Amino acid sequence: MINANADTAHQWVKTTGTNFPIIADPACVITRAYGAECAADTTLVAPGGTIAKPHPGYGAEMLRELSAGVARTAGVAAQPLALDKAPQQLVVGCPISPMEMPLAAQAR
């Protein structure tokens, strides 16, 4: 999931070369439902909706690990990623809290 609209999510996928699905979640409703604690928190969801592995933060190594996990979960070979624009050090953002969201989003 990405806390952005569908157009921004699509652009992020194109920029990073990510080859797994990204869900736009601009109000972070789904993000919080899966227990994300900070911005740049990625959760690999297995078939049936169970959490296979949380990935707090964002960086090249995390993306490699996530891609491998997606491939294992799907039973396919991992695909190469374009990681030249991803940070080499793990980056962790701000905590996700209702106070960061507009009041309309909190009410959902």
C-alpha atoms as a PDB file:
ATOM      1  CA  MET A   1       0.000   0.000   0.000  1.00  0.00           C
ATOM      2  CA  ILE A   2       1.052   3.561  -0.562  1.00  0.00           C
ATOM      3  CA  ASN A   3      -0.440   6.545   1.211  1.00  0.00           C
ATOM      4  CA  ALA A   4      -1.157   8.296  -2.066  1.00  0.00           C
ATOM      5  CA  ASN A   5      -3.755   8.395  -4.804  1.00  0.00           C
ATOM      6  CA  ALA A   6      -3.769   5.913  -7.680  1.00  0.00           C
ATOM      7  CA  ASP A   7      -1.870   8.207 -10.083  1.00  0.00           C
ATOM      8  CA  THR A   8       0.963   8.730  -7.582  1.00  0.00           C
ATOM      9  CA  ALA A   9       1.073   5.005  -6.791  1.00  0.00           C
ATOM     10  CA  HIS A  10       1.343   4.191 -10.501  1.00  0.00           C
ATOM     11  CA  GLN A  11       4.165   6.719 -10.942  1.00  0.00           C
ATOM     12  CA  TRP A  12       6.007   5.232  -7.922  1.00  0.00           C
ATOM     13  CA  VAL A  13       5.785   1.767  -9.461  1.00  0.00           C
ATOM     14  CA  LYS A  14       7.159   3.070 -12.778  1.00  0.00           C
ATOM     15  CA  THR A  15       9.972   5.011 -11.079  1.00  0.00           C
ATOM     16  CA  THR A  16      11.158   2.168  -8.850  1.00  0.00           C
ATOM     17  CA  GLY A  17      10.596  -0.676 -11.308  1.00  0.00           C
ATOM     18  CA  THR A  18       8.540  -2.492  -8.697  1.00  0.00           C
ATOM     19  CA  ASN A  19       6.890  -5.557 -10.180  1.00  0.00           C
ATOM     20  CA  PHE A  20       4.373  -6.380  -7.483  1.00  0.00           C
ATOM     21  CA  PRO A  21       0.945  -4.836  -6.916  1.00  0.00           C
ATOM     22  CA  ILE A  22       0.699  -1.570  -4.999  1.00  0.00           C
ATOM     23  CA  ILE A  23      -2.629  -0.459  -3.511  1.00  0.00           C
ATOM     24  CA  ALA A  24      -3.330   3.264  -3.219  1.00  0.00           C
ATOM     25  CA  ASP A  25      -4.481   4.071   0.344  1.00  0.00           C
ATOM     26  CA  PRO A  26      -4.471   7.881   0.589  1.00  0.00           C
ATOM     27  CA  ALA A  27      -6.337   7.976   3.923  1.00  0.00           C
ATOM     28  CA  CYS A  28      -4.236   5.101   5.418  1.00  0.00           C
ATOM     29  CA  VAL A  29      -7.371   3.160   6.358  1.00  0.00           C
ATOM     30  CA  ILE A  30      -6.083  -0.177   5.049  1.00  0.00           C
ATOM     31  CA  THR A  31      -2.546   0.624   6.177  1.00  0.00           C
ATOM     32  CA  ARG A  32      -3.615   0.978   9.805  1.00  0.00           C
ATOM     33  CA  ALA A  33      -5.891  -2.079   9.574  1.00  0.00           C
ATOM     34  CA  TYR A  34      -2.780  -4.167   8.820  1.00  0.00           C
ATOM     35  CA  GLY A  35      -0.903  -2.711  11.789  1.00  0.00           C
ATOM     36  CA  ALA A  36       1.555  -0.398  10.045  1.00  0.00           C
ATOM     37  CA  GLU A  37       3.268   1.769  12.617  1.00  0.00           C
ATOM     38  CA  CYS A  38       5.274   4.239  10.565  1.00  0.00           C
ATOM     39  CA  ALA A  39       5.396   5.772   7.136  1.00  0.00           C
ATOM     40  CA  ALA A  40       7.335   3.637   4.705  1.00  0.00           C
ATOM     41  CA  ASP A  41       6.006   0.463   6.293  1.00  0.00           C
ATOM     42  CA  THR A  42       5.314  -2.386   3.866  1.00  0.00           C
ATOM     43  CA  THR A  43       3.371  -5.518   4.728  1.00  0.00           C
ATOM     44  CA  LEU A  44       3.471  -8.656   2.616  1.00  0.00           C
ATOM     45  CA  VAL A  45      -0.034 -10.113   2.695  1.00  0.00           C
ATOM     46  CA  ALA A  46      -0.350 -13.819   1.956  1.00  0.00           C
ATOM     47  CA  PRO A  47      -3.303 -15.460   0.227  1.00  0.00           C
ATOM     48  CA  GLY A  48      -6.302 -15.357   2.505  1.00  0.00           C
ATOM     49  CA  GLY A  49      -5.308 -11.965   3.903  1.00  0.00           C
ATOM     50  CA  THR A  50      -2.865 -13.098   6.578  1.00  0.00           C
ATOM     51  CA  ILE A  51       0.243 -11.043   7.226  1.00  0.00           C
ATOM     52  CA  ALA A  52       3.238 -12.955   5.877  1.00  0.00           C
ATOM     53  CA  LYS A  53       5.887 -10.403   6.875  1.00  0.00           C
ATOM     54  CA  PRO A  54       5.921  -6.753   7.940  1.00  0.00           C
ATOM     55  CA  HIS A  55       8.695  -4.581   6.508  1.00  0.00           C
ATOM     56  CA  PRO A  56       9.105  -1.346   8.471  1.00  0.00           C
ATOM     57  CA  GLY A  57      11.060   1.271   6.578  1.00  0.00           C
ATOM     58  CA  TYR A  58      12.109   1.661   2.970  1.00  0.00           C
ATOM     59  CA  GLY A  59      15.380   0.902   1.244  1.00  0.00           C
ATOM     60  CA  ALA A  60      17.111  -1.225  -1.360  1.00  0.00           C
ATOM     61  CA  GLU A  61      17.711  -4.270   0.873  1.00  0.00           C
ATOM     62  CA  MET A  62      14.138  -4.185   2.181  1.00  0.00           C
ATOM     63  CA  LEU A  63      12.845  -4.083  -1.408  1.00  0.00           C
ATOM     64  CA  ARG A  64      15.033  -7.082  -2.331  1.00  0.00           C
ATOM     65  CA  GLU A  65      13.706  -9.018   0.669  1.00  0.00           C
ATOM     66  CA  LEU A  66      10.135  -8.016  -0.087  1.00  0.00           C
ATOM     67  CA  SER A  67      10.460  -9.000  -3.747  1.00  0.00           C
ATOM     68  CA  ALA A  68      11.837 -12.406  -2.733  1.00  0.00           C
ATOM     69  CA  GLY A  69       8.964 -12.840  -0.265  1.00  0.00           C
ATOM     70  CA  VAL A  70       6.388 -11.946  -2.887  1.00  0.00           C
ATOM     71  CA  ALA A  71       7.945 -14.451  -5.287  1.00  0.00           C
ATOM     72  CA  ARG A  72       7.984 -17.203  -2.623  1.00  0.00           C
ATOM     73  CA  THR A  73       4.375 -16.458  -1.659  1.00  0.00           C
ATOM     74  CA  ALA A  74       3.276 -16.517  -5.306  1.00  0.00           C
ATOM     75  CA  GLY A  75       5.396 -19.562  -6.159  1.00  0.00           C
ATOM     76  CA  VAL A  76       7.272 -17.759  -8.936  1.00  0.00           C
ATOM     77  CA  ALA A  77      10.845 -16.666  -9.555  1.00  0.00           C
ATOM     78  CA  ALA A  78      11.916 -13.326  -8.103  1.00  0.00           C
ATOM     79  CA  GLN A  79      12.251 -10.641 -10.735  1.00  0.00           C
ATOM     80  CA  PRO A  80      15.052  -8.065 -10.920  1.00  0.00           C
ATOM     81  CA  LEU A  81      14.325  -4.637  -9.460  1.00  0.00           C
ATOM     82  CA  ALA A  82      15.600  -1.223 -10.533  1.00  0.00           C
ATOM     83  CA  LEU A  83      16.981  -0.058  -7.178  1.00  0.00           C
ATOM     84  CA  ASP A  84      19.270   2.743  -8.299  1.00  0.00           C
ATOM     85  CA  LYS A  85      16.835   5.354  -6.892  1.00  0.00           C
ATOM     86  CA  ALA A  86      16.057   3.493  -3.660  1.00  0.00           C
ATOM     87  CA  PRO A  87      18.007   4.544  -0.557  1.00  0.00           C
ATOM     88  CA  GLN A  88      20.861   2.184   0.358  1.00  0.00           C
ATOM     89  CA  GLN A  89      20.249   2.790   4.087  1.00  0.00           C
ATOM     90  CA  LEU A  90      16.875   1.841   5.550  1.00  0.00           C
ATOM     91  CA  VAL A  91      14.672   4.932   5.890  1.00  0.00           C
ATOM     92  CA  VAL A  92      11.868   4.981   8.439  1.00  0.00           C
ATOM     93  CA  GLY A  93       9.290   7.752   8.430  1.00  0.00           C
ATOM     94  CA  CYS A  94       6.915   9.335  10.895  1.00  0.00           C
ATOM     95  CA  PRO A  95       4.540   7.274  13.028  1.00  0.00           C
ATOM     96  CA  ILE A  96       1.123   6.734  11.477  1.00  0.00           C
ATOM     97  CA  SER A  97      -1.472   8.177  13.796  1.00  0.00           C
ATOM     98  CA  PRO A  98      -5.007   9.482  13.397  1.00  0.00           C
ATOM     99  CA  MET A  99      -3.808  12.979  14.285  1.00  0.00           C
ATOM    100  CA  GLU A 100      -1.802  13.083  11.053  1.00  0.00           C
ATOM    101  CA  MET A 101      -4.919  12.416   9.002  1.00  0.00           C
ATOM    102  CA  PRO A 102      -7.531  15.031   8.028  1.00  0.00           C
ATOM    103  CA  LEU A 103     -10.648  14.858  10.204  1.00  0.00           C
ATOM    104  CA  ALA A 104     -12.706  13.490   7.284  1.00  0.00           C
ATOM    105  CA  ALA A 105     -10.312  10.549   6.955  1.00  0.00           C
ATOM    106  CA  GLN A 106     -10.397   9.853  10.697  1.00  0.00           C
ATOM    107  CA  ALA A 107     -14.164   9.511  10.590  1.00  0.00           C
ATOM    108  CA  ARG A 108     -14.057   6.594   8.117  1.00  0.00           C
END
